[in-house]
Amino acid sequence: HHRTTTRICMCAGACRPEWVDCPALIRELLQLRSASSRREEVRRLLAPDLHLWQRSPKTGTVILAGLARAGRAQTAIQVLQVMQEGMVEVNRYHWNAAISACEKGGSWQLAGHMLREMHGEVGADGISYSTVMSACEASSEWRQAMSLQQLSAEEGFRGNQISY
């Protein structure tokens, strides 16, 4: 099925006709099942509107947050990769939303991998560390969580109630 050309303002904060119908796009992304073909499908779904994301990177944040709520780690990572390929600014909000998808999807190892990649791209922040620590704790990976806590402190990030 195809998305209609009608756009709504959910992704960018104010209504403009060229903005993306984020709820519909999130629903379509959540319907993807096959991991082997998912990357091409993600690219196909994002392609019609990706140029609009260049003007409004918040659209990517909304899409990634929707995938995070559903715990769809692999799809979130693929959206992030397609954004990068499409020359869309990928910032900490995007990375943190993808890491959150890993956490909610129970993928602590993938969350840790994303944190390491994030360091080389935009730099991690306290939210990044806290989210990965939470993923580790949920999987009873206490040593990993403690190591991350120590590393985040060395990087100058103070813990909060969530991380302690």
Protein backbone atom coordinates (compact mmCIF):
# COMPACT_ATOMS: atom_id res chain seq x y z
CA HIS A 1 0.00 0.00 0.00
CA HIS A 2 1.12 3.55 -0.59
CA ARG A 3 1.07 6.53 1.70
CA THR A 4 -1.17 9.32 0.59
CA THR A 5 0.29 12.63 -0.42
CA THR A 6 -1.48 14.27 2.48
CA ARG A 7 1.02 15.38 5.09
CA ILE A 8 0.38 16.31 8.67
CA CYS A 9 2.34 18.35 11.17
CA MET A 10 3.17 15.64 13.72
CA CYS A 11 6.87 15.59 12.89
CA ALA A 12 7.91 19.17 12.82
CA GLY A 13 5.89 21.08 15.35
CA ALA A 14 3.82 23.27 13.03
CA CYS A 15 1.74 22.50 9.97
CA ARG A 16 3.26 22.84 6.54
CA PRO A 17 2.14 20.89 3.50
CA GLU A 18 5.57 19.38 2.81
CA TRP A 19 6.00 17.75 6.20
CA VAL A 20 5.91 14.02 6.70
CA ASP A 21 3.05 11.90 8.03
CA CYS A 22 5.09 10.39 10.85
CA PRO A 23 2.42 8.17 12.42
CA ALA A 24 1.78 6.47 9.05
CA LEU A 25 5.50 6.07 8.37
CA ILE A 26 6.09 4.60 11.83
CA ARG A 27 3.23 2.12 11.27
CA GLU A 28 4.76 1.07 7.94
CA LEU A 29 8.21 0.65 9.49
CA LEU A 30 6.74 -1.43 12.32
CA GLN A 31 5.16 -3.77 9.79
CA LEU A 32 8.55 -4.74 8.34
CA ARG A 33 9.43 -8.26 9.42
CA SER A 34 12.14 -9.86 7.32
CA ALA A 35 15.55 -8.81 8.60
CA SER A 36 17.23 -9.74 5.32
CA SER A 37 15.13 -7.39 3.20
CA ARG A 38 14.42 -4.78 5.87
CA ARG A 39 17.23 -2.36 4.96
CA GLU A 40 16.02 -2.06 1.36
CA GLU A 41 12.45 -1.71 2.58
CA VAL A 42 13.46 1.00 5.05
CA ARG A 43 15.26 2.83 2.24
CA ARG A 44 12.19 2.48 0.01
CA LEU A 45 9.86 3.82 2.71
CA LEU A 46 12.07 6.77 3.62
CA ALA A 47 13.15 7.76 0.10
CA PRO A 48 10.10 9.86 -0.90
CA ASP A 49 10.48 12.21 2.08
CA LEU A 50 14.15 11.93 3.05
CA HIS A 51 15.04 15.22 1.37
CA LEU A 52 12.54 16.93 3.70
CA TRP A 53 14.37 15.47 6.70
CA GLN A 54 17.45 17.47 5.67
CA ARG A 55 15.53 20.65 6.47
CA SER A 56 13.93 19.23 9.59
CA PRO A 57 16.09 16.60 11.34
CA LYS A 58 13.46 16.49 14.10
CA THR A 59 11.43 14.28 11.77
CA GLY A 60 14.06 11.57 12.19
CA THR A 61 13.88 11.96 15.96
CA VAL A 62 10.11 11.43 15.92
CA ILE A 63 10.39 8.35 13.70
CA LEU A 64 13.21 6.86 15.78
CA ALA A 65 11.35 7.56 19.03
CA GLY A 66 8.34 5.69 17.66
CA LEU A 67 10.53 2.72 16.82
CA ALA A 68 12.14 2.95 20.27
CA ARG A 69 8.74 2.78 21.99
CA ALA A 70 8.14 -0.47 20.11
CA GLY A 71 11.62 -1.82 20.91
CA ARG A 72 12.49 -2.18 17.21
CA ALA A 73 16.28 -1.90 17.48
CA GLN A 74 17.26 -3.25 14.07
CA THR A 75 14.76 -1.07 12.24
CA ALA A 76 15.87 2.01 14.19
CA ILE A 77 19.51 1.33 13.31
CA GLN A 78 18.58 0.91 9.67
CA VAL A 79 16.68 4.21 9.71
CA LEU A 80 19.79 5.84 11.18
CA GLN A 81 21.95 4.33 8.43
CA VAL A 82 19.56 5.41 5.68
CA MET A 83 19.55 8.92 7.15
CA GLN A 84 23.34 9.01 7.01
CA GLU A 85 23.36 7.69 3.44
CA GLY A 86 20.79 10.35 2.52
CA MET A 87 22.98 13.13 3.91
CA VAL A 88 20.51 13.91 6.70
CA GLU A 89 22.07 15.42 9.82
CA VAL A 90 22.29 12.66 12.42
CA ASN A 91 22.66 14.11 15.91
CA ARG A 92 22.69 12.89 19.50
CA TYR A 93 18.90 12.82 19.66
CA HIS A 94 18.82 10.37 16.76
CA TRP A 95 21.57 8.18 18.21
CA ASN A 96 19.97 8.19 21.66
CA ALA A 97 16.59 7.21 20.21
CA ALA A 98 18.22 4.30 18.37
CA ILE A 99 20.00 3.24 21.57
CA SER A 100 16.68 3.47 23.39
CA ALA A 101 15.18 1.10 20.80
CA CYS A 102 17.98 -1.34 21.64
CA GLU A 103 17.27 -0.99 25.35
CA LYS A 104 13.53 -1.50 24.98
CA GLY A 105 14.11 -4.39 22.61
CA GLY A 106 16.34 -6.15 25.15
CA SER A 107 19.46 -5.84 23.00
CA TRP A 108 22.07 -4.71 25.51
CA GLN A 109 24.99 -5.79 23.28
CA LEU A 110 23.62 -3.84 20.34
CA ALA A 111 23.07 -0.83 22.62
CA GLY A 112 26.74 -1.03 23.66
CA HIS A 113 27.82 -1.30 20.04
CA MET A 114 25.76 1.77 19.18
CA LEU A 115 27.34 3.68 22.07
CA ARG A 116 30.82 2.89 20.74
CA GLU A 117 29.82 3.97 17.23
CA MET A 118 28.21 7.11 18.59
CA HIS A 119 31.53 8.14 20.14
CA GLY A 120 33.10 8.30 16.69
CA GLU A 121 30.17 10.15 15.12
CA VAL A 122 28.68 12.79 17.44
CA GLY A 123 30.01 11.89 20.88
CA ALA A 124 27.97 10.24 23.60
CA ASP A 125 26.29 12.07 26.45
CA GLY A 126 24.90 11.17 29.86
CA ILE A 127 21.62 10.00 28.35
CA SER A 128 23.50 7.64 26.05
CA TYR A 129 25.38 6.06 28.93
CA SER A 130 22.32 5.88 31.16
CA THR A 131 20.27 4.16 28.46
CA VAL A 132 22.94 1.55 27.76
CA MET A 133 23.42 0.96 31.51
CA SER A 134 19.67 0.42 31.81
CA ALA A 135 19.78 -2.08 28.94
CA CYS A 136 22.60 -3.96 30.68
CA GLU A 137 20.81 -3.97 34.02
CA ALA A 138 17.57 -5.24 32.45
CA SER A 139 19.56 -8.18 31.06
CA SER A 140 21.36 -8.75 34.39
CA GLU A 141 24.66 -7.70 32.84
CA TRP A 142 25.78 -6.04 36.06
CA ARG A 143 29.50 -5.99 35.26
CA GLN A 144 28.85 -4.24 31.96
CA ALA A 145 26.59 -1.72 33.69
CA MET A 146 29.22 -1.00 36.35
CA SER A 147 31.94 -0.64 33.72
CA LEU A 148 29.78 1.84 31.83
CA GLN A 149 29.06 3.74 35.02
CA GLN A 150 32.79 4.05 35.67
CA LEU A 151 33.50 5.04 32.07
CA SER A 152 30.75 7.67 32.07
CA ALA A 153 32.16 9.14 35.29
CA GLU A 154 35.63 9.26 33.70
CA GLU A 155 34.07 11.09 30.73
CA GLY A 156 32.63 13.63 33.15
CA PHE A 157 28.99 12.57 33.15
CA ARG A 158 27.29 12.54 36.49
CA GLY A 159 24.88 9.76 37.25
CA ASN A 160 21.27 10.32 38.04
CA GLN A 161 18.63 8.29 39.87
CA ILE A 162 18.20 6.08 36.82
CA SER A 163 21.87 5.20 36.49
CA TYR A 164 22.51 4.57 40.17
